[in-house]
Amino acid sequence: MRMDFVIHLVAKIVVPLFFIGMAGSAVVIVVSFAEDLKELLGDEE
């Protein structure tokens, strides 16, 4: 019974951290994509 409570507590902490990490990774991908696109378009001029 006690272990079940601990598992639920850990799950409630880990799940939001996972989604925050996913959102952070998405932001990094978008920023790096925008920088690469700007660099590629700048070289063509």
N, C-alpha and C. Protein backbone atom coordinates (compact mmCIF):
# COMPACT_ATOMS: atom_id res chain seq x y z
N MET A 1 0.84 -1.21 0.00
CA MET A 1 0.00 0.00 0.00
C MET A 1 0.87 1.26 0.00
N ARG A 2 1.91 1.25 0.81
CA ARG A 2 2.79 2.43 0.88
C ARG A 2 3.53 2.64 -0.43
N MET A 3 4.00 1.55 -1.04
CA MET A 3 4.74 1.65 -2.30
C MET A 3 3.84 2.20 -3.40
N ASP A 4 2.59 1.83 -3.40
CA ASP A 4 1.63 2.31 -4.38
C ASP A 4 1.50 3.83 -4.30
N PHE A 5 1.46 4.37 -3.08
CA PHE A 5 1.37 5.81 -2.88
C PHE A 5 2.62 6.50 -3.43
N VAL A 6 3.80 5.92 -3.16
CA VAL A 6 5.06 6.50 -3.63
C VAL A 6 5.10 6.51 -5.16
N ILE A 7 4.65 5.42 -5.77
CA ILE A 7 4.65 5.33 -7.24
C ILE A 7 3.74 6.41 -7.83
N HIS A 8 2.55 6.60 -7.26
CA HIS A 8 1.63 7.63 -7.74
C HIS A 8 2.22 9.03 -7.56
N LEU A 9 2.89 9.26 -6.44
CA LEU A 9 3.51 10.56 -6.18
C LEU A 9 4.61 10.85 -7.20
N VAL A 10 5.47 9.87 -7.44
CA VAL A 10 6.55 10.03 -8.42
C VAL A 10 5.97 10.27 -9.82
N ALA A 11 4.91 9.54 -10.18
CA ALA A 11 4.28 9.72 -11.50
C ALA A 11 3.74 11.13 -11.64
N LYS A 12 3.11 11.65 -10.58
CA LYS A 12 2.55 13.01 -10.64
C LYS A 12 3.64 14.07 -10.79
N ILE A 13 4.85 13.79 -10.31
CA ILE A 13 5.96 14.73 -10.45
C ILE A 13 6.64 14.59 -11.81
N VAL A 14 6.84 13.35 -12.25
CA VAL A 14 7.60 13.08 -13.47
C VAL A 14 6.84 13.48 -14.74
N VAL A 15 5.53 13.25 -14.76
CA VAL A 15 4.75 13.54 -15.97
C VAL A 15 4.81 15.01 -16.37
N PRO A 16 4.57 15.97 -15.45
CA PRO A 16 4.72 17.38 -15.86
C PRO A 16 6.14 17.73 -16.29
N LEU A 17 7.14 17.16 -15.62
CA LEU A 17 8.52 17.42 -16.02
C LEU A 17 8.77 16.91 -17.44
N PHE A 18 8.20 15.76 -17.78
CA PHE A 18 8.33 15.21 -19.13
C PHE A 18 7.75 16.17 -20.15
N PHE A 19 6.54 16.68 -19.89
CA PHE A 19 5.90 17.59 -20.84
C PHE A 19 6.64 18.93 -20.93
N ILE A 20 7.18 19.41 -19.80
CA ILE A 20 7.98 20.64 -19.82
C ILE A 20 9.23 20.42 -20.67
N GLY A 21 9.84 19.26 -20.52
CA GLY A 21 11.01 18.92 -21.34
C GLY A 21 10.67 18.86 -22.81
N MET A 22 9.53 18.27 -23.14
CA MET A 22 9.10 18.19 -24.54
C MET A 22 8.87 19.59 -25.11
N ALA A 23 8.23 20.46 -24.32
CA ALA A 23 7.97 21.83 -24.78
C ALA A 23 9.28 22.58 -24.97
N GLY A 24 10.22 22.40 -24.05
CA GLY A 24 11.53 23.04 -24.17
C GLY A 24 12.27 22.58 -25.42
N SER A 25 12.21 21.28 -25.69
CA SER A 25 12.86 20.73 -26.89
C SER A 25 12.21 21.31 -28.15
N ALA A 26 10.89 21.43 -28.14
CA ALA A 26 10.19 21.99 -29.30
C ALA A 26 10.63 23.44 -29.54
N VAL A 27 10.79 24.21 -28.48
CA VAL A 27 11.23 25.61 -28.60
C VAL A 27 12.64 25.66 -29.21
N VAL A 28 13.53 24.80 -28.73
CA VAL A 28 14.90 24.76 -29.25
C VAL A 28 14.90 24.39 -30.72
N ILE A 29 14.08 23.42 -31.11
CA ILE A 29 14.00 23.01 -32.52
C ILE A 29 13.50 24.16 -33.39
N VAL A 30 12.46 24.85 -32.94
CA VAL A 30 11.90 25.97 -33.72
C VAL A 30 12.93 27.10 -33.87
N VAL A 31 13.61 27.43 -32.77
CA VAL A 31 14.61 28.52 -32.81
C VAL A 31 15.77 28.14 -33.73
N SER A 32 16.30 26.92 -33.60
CA SER A 32 17.42 26.52 -34.45
C SER A 32 17.00 26.43 -35.91
N PHE A 33 15.76 25.99 -36.17
CA PHE A 33 15.25 25.94 -37.55
C PHE A 33 15.15 27.35 -38.13
N ALA A 34 14.66 28.30 -37.34
CA ALA A 34 14.55 29.68 -37.81
C ALA A 34 15.92 30.27 -38.10
N GLU A 35 16.90 29.98 -37.22
CA GLU A 35 18.27 30.48 -37.44
C GLU A 35 18.87 29.88 -38.71
N ASP A 36 18.69 28.58 -38.91
CA ASP A 36 19.22 27.92 -40.11
C ASP A 36 18.57 28.46 -41.36
N LEU A 37 17.27 28.67 -41.30
CA LEU A 37 16.53 29.19 -42.45
C LEU A 37 17.02 30.61 -42.80
N LYS A 38 17.22 31.43 -41.76
CA LYS A 38 17.71 32.79 -41.97
C LYS A 38 19.10 32.76 -42.62
N GLU A 39 19.95 31.83 -42.15
CA GLU A 39 21.30 31.71 -42.69
C GLU A 39 21.27 31.24 -44.15
N LEU A 40 20.42 30.27 -44.44
CA LEU A 40 20.30 29.77 -45.82
C LEU A 40 19.78 30.85 -46.75
N LEU A 41 18.75 31.59 -46.33
CA LEU A 41 18.19 32.64 -47.17
C LEU A 41 19.19 33.80 -47.33
N GLY A 42 19.98 34.06 -46.30
CA GLY A 42 20.97 35.13 -46.37
C GLY A 42 22.10 34.82 -47.34
N ASP A 43 22.48 33.54 -47.46
CA ASP A 43 23.57 33.15 -48.35
C ASP A 43 23.18 33.27 -49.82
N GLU A 44 21.89 33.13 -50.12
CA GLU A 44 21.45 33.17 -51.51
C GLU A 44 21.48 34.57 -52.10
N GLU A 45 21.39 35.57 -51.25
CA GLU A 45 21.34 36.95 -51.76
C GLU A 45 22.67 37.40 -52.32
